[in-house]
C-alpha atoms as a PDB file:
ATOM      1  CA  MET A   1     123.032  31.642  60.811  1.00  0.00           C
ATOM      2  CA  TRP A   2     123.720  34.913  59.101  1.00  0.00           C
ATOM      3  CA  ARG A   3     127.034  36.694  59.766  1.00  0.00           C
ATOM      4  CA  ARG A   4     128.132  40.151  58.668  1.00  0.00           C
ATOM      5  CA  ARG A   5     131.708  40.965  57.770  1.00  0.00           C
ATOM      6  CA  ASP A   6     132.196  42.799  61.080  1.00  0.00           C
ATOM      7  CA  GLY A   7     131.288  39.672  63.055  1.00  0.00           C
ATOM      8  CA  PHE A   8     127.683  40.601  63.931  1.00  0.00           C
ATOM      9  CA  ARG A   9     125.707  37.363  64.001  1.00  0.00           C
ATOM     10  CA  VAL A  10     122.026  36.499  63.863  1.00  0.00           C
ATOM     11  CA  ASP A  11     120.985  32.918  64.503  1.00  0.00           C
ATOM     12  CA  GLY A  12     118.248  32.602  61.945  1.00  0.00           C
ATOM     13  CA  GLU A  13     117.597  33.922  58.462  1.00  0.00           C
ATOM     14  CA  THR A  14     116.568  36.989  56.524  1.00  0.00           C
ATOM     15  CA  VAL A  15     112.980  37.467  55.424  1.00  0.00           C
ATOM     16  CA  LYS A  16     114.315  37.167  51.868  1.00  0.00           C
ATOM     17  CA  ASP A  17     115.721  33.717  52.722  1.00  0.00           C
ATOM     18  CA  ARG A  18     112.346  32.658  54.150  1.00  0.00           C
ATOM     19  CA  PHE A  19     110.535  34.027  51.108  1.00  0.00           C
ATOM     20  CA  ASP A  20     112.945  32.302  48.702  1.00  0.00           C
ATOM     21  CA  ARG A  21     112.333  28.961  50.439  1.00  0.00           C
ATOM     22  CA  HIS A  22     108.562  29.161  50.978  1.00  0.00           C
ATOM     23  CA  GLY A  23     107.260  31.647  48.431  1.00  0.00           C
ATOM     24  CA  ARG A  24     104.779  34.273  49.462  1.00  0.00           C
ATOM     25  CA  LEU A  25     104.153  34.517  53.169  1.00  0.00           C
ATOM     26  CA  ASP A  26     100.897  34.102  55.026  1.00  0.00           C
ATOM     27  CA  ALA A  27      99.271  37.527  55.502  1.00  0.00           C
ATOM     28  CA  VAL A  28      99.328  37.229  59.309  1.00  0.00           C
ATOM     29  CA  GLU A  29     103.054  36.414  59.343  1.00  0.00           C
ATOM     30  CA  ALA A  30     103.858  39.205  56.876  1.00  0.00           C
ATOM     31  CA  LEU A  31     101.847  41.734  58.911  1.00  0.00           C
ATOM     32  CA  ALA A  32     103.491  40.625  62.162  1.00  0.00           C
ATOM     33  CA  ILE A  33     106.938  41.065  60.617  1.00  0.00           C
ATOM     34  CA  CYS A  34     105.985  44.536  59.374  1.00  0.00           C
ATOM     35  CA  VAL A  35     104.643  45.559  62.794  1.00  0.00           C
ATOM     36  CA  TYR A  36     107.941  44.579  64.434  1.00  0.00           C
ATOM     37  CA  VAL A  37     109.901  46.460  61.770  1.00  0.00           C
ATOM     38  CA  ALA A  38     107.669  49.514  62.269  1.00  0.00           C
ATOM     39  CA  GLU A  39     108.334  49.309  66.027  1.00  0.00           C
ATOM     40  CA  ALA A  40     112.085  49.172  65.360  1.00  0.00           C
ATOM     41  CA  LEU A  41     111.857  52.136  62.988  1.00  0.00           C
ATOM     42  CA  LYS A  42     109.798  54.071  65.542  1.00  0.00           C
ATOM     43  CA  TYR A  43     112.414  53.368  68.210  1.00  0.00           C
ATOM     44  CA  ALA A  44     115.302  54.414  65.923  1.00  0.00           C
ATOM     45  CA  ARG A  45     113.508  57.625  65.038  1.00  0.00           C
ATOM     46  CA  ASN A  46     112.422  58.539  68.572  1.00  0.00           C
ATOM     47  CA  LYS A  47     115.601  57.483  70.363  1.00  0.00           C
ATOM     48  CA  ASN A  48     118.329  58.386  67.858  1.00  0.00           C
ATOM     49  CA  ARG A  49     116.565  60.505  65.221  1.00  0.00           C
ATOM     50  CA  LEU A  50     117.436  57.925  62.530  1.00  0.00           C
ATOM     51  CA  ILE A  51     115.829  57.111  59.213  1.00  0.00           C
ATOM     52  CA  HIS A  52     116.869  53.683  57.877  1.00  0.00           C
ATOM     53  CA  ARG A  53     116.578  54.417  54.109  1.00  0.00           C
ATOM     54  CA  ASP A  54     117.010  50.788  52.952  1.00  0.00           C
ATOM     55  CA  ILE A  55     114.053  48.742  54.182  1.00  0.00           C
ATOM     56  CA  LYS A  56     113.793  45.474  52.243  1.00  0.00           C
ATOM     57  CA  PRO A  57     113.422  41.742  52.966  1.00  0.00           C
ATOM     58  CA  HIS A  58     117.225  41.351  52.844  1.00  0.00           C
ATOM     59  CA  ASN A  59     117.614  43.635  55.904  1.00  0.00           C
ATOM     60  CA  ILE A  60     114.921  42.065  58.080  1.00  0.00           C
ATOM     61  CA  PHE A  61     116.066  39.114  60.160  1.00  0.00           C
ATOM     62  CA  LEU A  62     114.085  36.323  61.773  1.00  0.00           C
ATOM     63  CA  THR A  63     115.957  34.810  64.683  1.00  0.00           C
ATOM     64  CA  ALA A  64     115.837  31.141  65.587  1.00  0.00           C
ATOM     65  CA  SER A  65     113.923  32.132  68.736  1.00  0.00           C
ATOM     66  CA  GLY A  66     111.219  33.890  66.699  1.00  0.00           C
ATOM     67  CA  GLU A  67     112.272  37.531  67.056  1.00  0.00           C
ATOM     68  CA  VAL A  68     112.209  40.013  64.183  1.00  0.00           C
ATOM     69  CA  ARG A  69     115.255  42.258  63.910  1.00  0.00           C
ATOM     70  CA  LEU A  70     116.064  45.103  61.583  1.00  0.00           C
ATOM     71  CA  GLY A  71     119.633  45.262  60.328  1.00  0.00           C
ATOM     72  CA  ASP A  72     121.987  47.054  57.994  1.00  0.00           C
ATOM     73  CA  MET A  73     121.985  50.636  59.176  1.00  0.00           C
ATOM     74  CA  GLY A  74     124.702  51.469  56.640  1.00  0.00           C
ATOM     75  CA  LEU A  75     122.526  53.979  54.783  1.00  0.00           C
ATOM     76  CA  ALA A  76     120.787  55.394  57.848  1.00  0.00           C
ATOM     77  CA  LYS A  77     120.514  59.155  58.108  1.00  0.00           C
ATOM     78  CA  THR A  78     119.958  61.279  61.175  1.00  0.00           C
ATOM     79  CA  LEU A  79     117.172  63.828  61.064  1.00  0.00           C
ATOM     80  CA  GLY A  80     119.925  66.459  61.247  1.00  0.00           C
ATOM     81  CA  GLY A  81     121.177  65.294  57.868  1.00  0.00           C
ATOM     82  CA  THR A  82     124.207  63.105  58.617  1.00  0.00           C
ATOM     83  CA  THR A  83     124.471  59.694  56.993  1.00  0.00           C
ATOM     84  CA  THR A  84     126.079  56.767  58.774  1.00  0.00           C
ATOM     85  CA  SER A  85     127.922  55.600  55.679  1.00  0.00           C
ATOM     86  CA  LEU A  86     130.434  57.105  53.329  1.00  0.00           C
ATOM     87  CA  THR A  87     128.677  57.779  50.042  1.00  0.00           C
ATOM     88  CA  GLN A  88     129.396  60.283  47.345  1.00  0.00           C
ATOM     89  CA  THR A  89     126.987  63.153  46.890  1.00  0.00           C
ATOM     90  CA  GLY A  90     124.294  62.166  44.414  1.00  0.00           C
ATOM     91  CA  MET A  91     125.146  58.471  44.563  1.00  0.00           C
ATOM     92  CA  MET A  92     122.142  56.184  44.986  1.00  0.00           C
ATOM     93  CA  MET A  93     122.723  53.120  47.159  1.00  0.00           C
ATOM     94  CA  VAL A  94     119.121  52.023  47.799  1.00  0.00           C
ATOM     95  CA  SER A  95     117.514  48.848  46.446  1.00  0.00           C
ATOM     96  CA  PRO A  96     115.433  49.744  43.369  1.00  0.00           C
ATOM     97  CA  HIS A  97     112.478  47.464  44.204  1.00  0.00           C
ATOM     98  CA  TYR A  98     111.782  49.239  47.508  1.00  0.00           C
ATOM     99  CA  ILE A  99     112.938  52.842  46.919  1.00  0.00           C
ATOM    100  CA  SER A 100     110.609  55.710  47.762  1.00  0.00           C
ATOM    101  CA  PRO A 101     109.858  58.258  45.029  1.00  0.00           C
ATOM    102  CA  GLU A 102     111.526  61.019  47.036  1.00  0.00           C
ATOM    103  CA  GLN A 103     114.724  58.984  47.402  1.00  0.00           C
ATOM    104  CA  ALA A 104     114.650  58.172  43.683  1.00  0.00           C
ATOM    105  CA  LYS A 105     114.321  61.888  42.889  1.00  0.00           C
ATOM    106  CA  GLY A 106     117.217  62.761  45.204  1.00  0.00           C
ATOM    107  CA  VAL A 107     115.095  64.898  47.541  1.00  0.00           C
ATOM    108  CA  LYS A 108     117.344  66.055  50.375  1.00  0.00           C
ATOM    109  CA  ASP A 109     114.731  66.377  53.119  1.00  0.00           C
ATOM    110  CA  ILE A 110     113.460  62.796  53.181  1.00  0.00           C
ATOM    111  CA  ASP A 111     111.893  61.690  56.414  1.00  0.00           C
ATOM    112  CA  PHE A 112     110.485  58.581  58.092  1.00  0.00           C
ATOM    113  CA  ARG A 113     107.743  58.339  55.490  1.00  0.00           C
ATOM    114  CA  ALA A 114     110.347  57.080  52.981  1.00  0.00           C
ATOM    115  CA  ASP A 115     110.808  54.069  55.276  1.00  0.00           C
ATOM    116  CA  ILE A 116     107.024  53.604  55.462  1.00  0.00           C
ATOM    117  CA  TYR A 117     106.939  53.531  51.645  1.00  0.00           C
ATOM    118  CA  SER A 118     109.708  50.904  51.511  1.00  0.00           C
ATOM    119  CA  LEU A 119     108.022  48.838  54.222  1.00  0.00           C
ATOM    120  CA  GLY A 120     104.801  49.003  52.178  1.00  0.00           C
ATOM    121  CA  CYS A 121     106.681  47.702  49.127  1.00  0.00           C
ATOM    122  CA  THR A 122     108.128  44.929  51.297  1.00  0.00           C
ATOM    123  CA  LEU A 123     104.659  43.992  52.578  1.00  0.00           C
ATOM    124  CA  PHE A 124     103.312  43.937  49.010  1.00  0.00           C
ATOM    125  CA  HIS A 125     106.167  41.645  47.934  1.00  0.00           C
ATOM    126  CA  LEU A 126     105.755  39.267  50.874  1.00  0.00           C
ATOM    127  CA  VAL A 127     102.017  38.718  50.433  1.00  0.00           C
ATOM    128  CA  THR A 128     101.738  38.769  46.631  1.00  0.00           C
ATOM    129  CA  GLY A 129     104.936  36.934  45.754  1.00  0.00           C
ATOM    130  CA  ARG A 130     106.373  39.732  43.638  1.00  0.00           C
ATOM    131  CA  PRO A 131     107.716  43.250  44.134  1.00  0.00           C
ATOM    132  CA  PRO A 132     105.335  46.107  43.361  1.00  0.00           C
ATOM    133  CA  TYR A 133     107.294  47.141  40.262  1.00  0.00           C
ATOM    134  CA  GLU A 134     109.392  45.046  37.945  1.00  0.00           C
ATOM    135  CA  GLY A 135     111.472  45.892  34.897  1.00  0.00           C
ATOM    136  CA  GLU A 136     114.414  44.817  32.798  1.00  0.00           C
ATOM    137  CA  ASN A 137     116.865  46.947  34.809  1.00  0.00           C
ATOM    138  CA  SER A 138     117.146  49.116  37.914  1.00  0.00           C
ATOM    139  CA  LEU A 139     116.479  52.386  36.107  1.00  0.00           C
ATOM    140  CA  VAL A 140     113.178  51.098  34.715  1.00  0.00           C
ATOM    141  CA  VAL A 141     112.075  49.959  38.191  1.00  0.00           C
ATOM    142  CA  ILE A 142     113.092  53.255  39.804  1.00  0.00           C
ATOM    143  CA  ASN A 143     111.252  55.197  37.089  1.00  0.00           C
ATOM    144  CA  LYS A 144     108.099  53.208  37.879  1.00  0.00           C
ATOM    145  CA  HIS A 145     108.378  54.115  41.587  1.00  0.00           C
ATOM    146  CA  VAL A 146     108.435  57.774  40.585  1.00  0.00           C
ATOM    147  CA  ASN A 147     105.922  57.854  37.739  1.00  0.00           C
ATOM    148  CA  GLU A 148     103.476  54.942  37.890  1.00  0.00           C
ATOM    149  CA  PRO A 149     100.558  54.668  40.315  1.00  0.00           C
ATOM    150  CA  PRO A 150     100.968  52.219  43.186  1.00  0.00           C
ATOM    151  CA  PRO A 151     100.035  48.737  41.961  1.00  0.00           C
ATOM    152  CA  ALA A 152      96.645  47.515  43.099  1.00  0.00           C
ATOM    153  CA  ILE A 153      97.222  44.643  45.483  1.00  0.00           C
ATOM    154  CA  PHE A 154      93.840  43.164  44.542  1.00  0.00           C
ATOM    155  CA  LYS A 155      95.068  42.660  40.960  1.00  0.00           C
ATOM    156  CA  ALA A 156      98.151  40.822  42.213  1.00  0.00           C
ATOM    157  CA  TRP A 157      96.234  38.886  44.896  1.00  0.00           C
ATOM    158  CA  SER A 158      92.491  38.816  44.307  1.00  0.00           C
ATOM    159  CA  SER A 159      91.639  37.287  47.711  1.00  0.00           C
ATOM    160  CA  CYS A 160      93.565  39.895  49.708  1.00  0.00           C
ATOM    161  CA  PRO A 161      91.600  40.876  52.832  1.00  0.00           C
ATOM    162  CA  VAL A 162      90.181  44.392  52.367  1.00  0.00           C
ATOM    163  CA  PRO A 163      91.871  45.917  55.484  1.00  0.00           C
ATOM    164  CA  LEU A 164      95.250  44.584  54.311  1.00  0.00           C
ATOM    165  CA  GLY A 165      94.557  45.959  50.839  1.00  0.00           C
ATOM    166  CA  MET A 166      93.807  49.392  52.276  1.00  0.00           C
ATOM    167  CA  LEU A 167      97.005  49.313  54.342  1.00  0.00           C
ATOM    168  CA  ALA A 168      99.055  48.120  51.370  1.00  0.00           C
ATOM    169  CA  GLY A 169      97.585  50.959  49.312  1.00  0.00           C
ATOM    170  CA  LYS A 170      98.319  53.747  51.799  1.00  0.00           C
ATOM    171  CA  MET A 171     101.878  52.831  52.809  1.00  0.00           C
ATOM    172  CA  PRO A 172     103.360  53.245  49.292  1.00  0.00           C
ATOM    173  CA  ALA A 173     101.410  56.363  48.311  1.00  0.00           C
ATOM    174  CA  LYS A 174     103.426  58.449  45.834  1.00  0.00           C
ATOM    175  CA  ASN A 175     102.937  61.651  47.815  1.00  0.00           C
ATOM    176  CA  ARG A 176     104.499  61.214  51.241  1.00  0.00           C
ATOM    177  CA  ASN A 177     101.751  63.385  52.758  1.00  0.00           C
ATOM    178  CA  ASP A 178      99.268  60.678  51.774  1.00  0.00           C
ATOM    179  CA  ARG A 179     101.151  58.010  53.776  1.00  0.00           C
ATOM    180  CA  PHE A 180     100.766  57.479  57.504  1.00  0.00           C
ATOM    181  CA  GLY A 181     101.734  60.577  59.491  1.00  0.00           C
ATOM    182  CA  SER A 182     103.493  58.652  62.256  1.00  0.00           C
ATOM    183  CA  TYR A 183     104.668  55.172  63.140  1.00  0.00           C
ATOM    184  CA  GLU A 184     102.014  55.128  65.854  1.00  0.00           C
ATOM    185  CA  ASP A 185      99.298  55.594  63.210  1.00  0.00           C
ATOM    186  CA  LEU A 186     100.834  52.919  61.006  1.00  0.00           C
ATOM    187  CA  ILE A 187     101.118  50.404  63.847  1.00  0.00           C
ATOM    188  CA  ALA A 188      97.541  51.081  65.013  1.00  0.00           C
END
């Protein structure tokens, strides 16, 4: 069971916990988790105009009954520009292994495609066994998200199915216009 400080409880574990115990996930399981997260992100965007801004295995929960839940909306931002947490201007609170280039650069008009990028980094990590970029500290990793090309999944996992490789290549495109244009397109 996972419990937040405010008492919120999930009977189950995070995707990070599952990954830490079992190593890289089966491609079908990883894709299913990502589809459910994409559905949750689509709902948050369509219903409440929210962008999550901190998608990572630590914030995805697998319940004991088999449901996938997205948590930790502490860094969420409404499309109107309001954040749901108290952060200082210019302060970065996102996980370096999953941060989109536009978040790393401090772009003010980020949109849902930043979450698609982070979900793509999460998918890469789950199926290859390592995050897309690694480095000796957070600044090195963030710099790689901004300046290095997306890592080729086929180099990290040579037997990756081609459709999964294409998906894993498009989600973390450096230019957000090269990512999926909607959650509907991503889910399809």
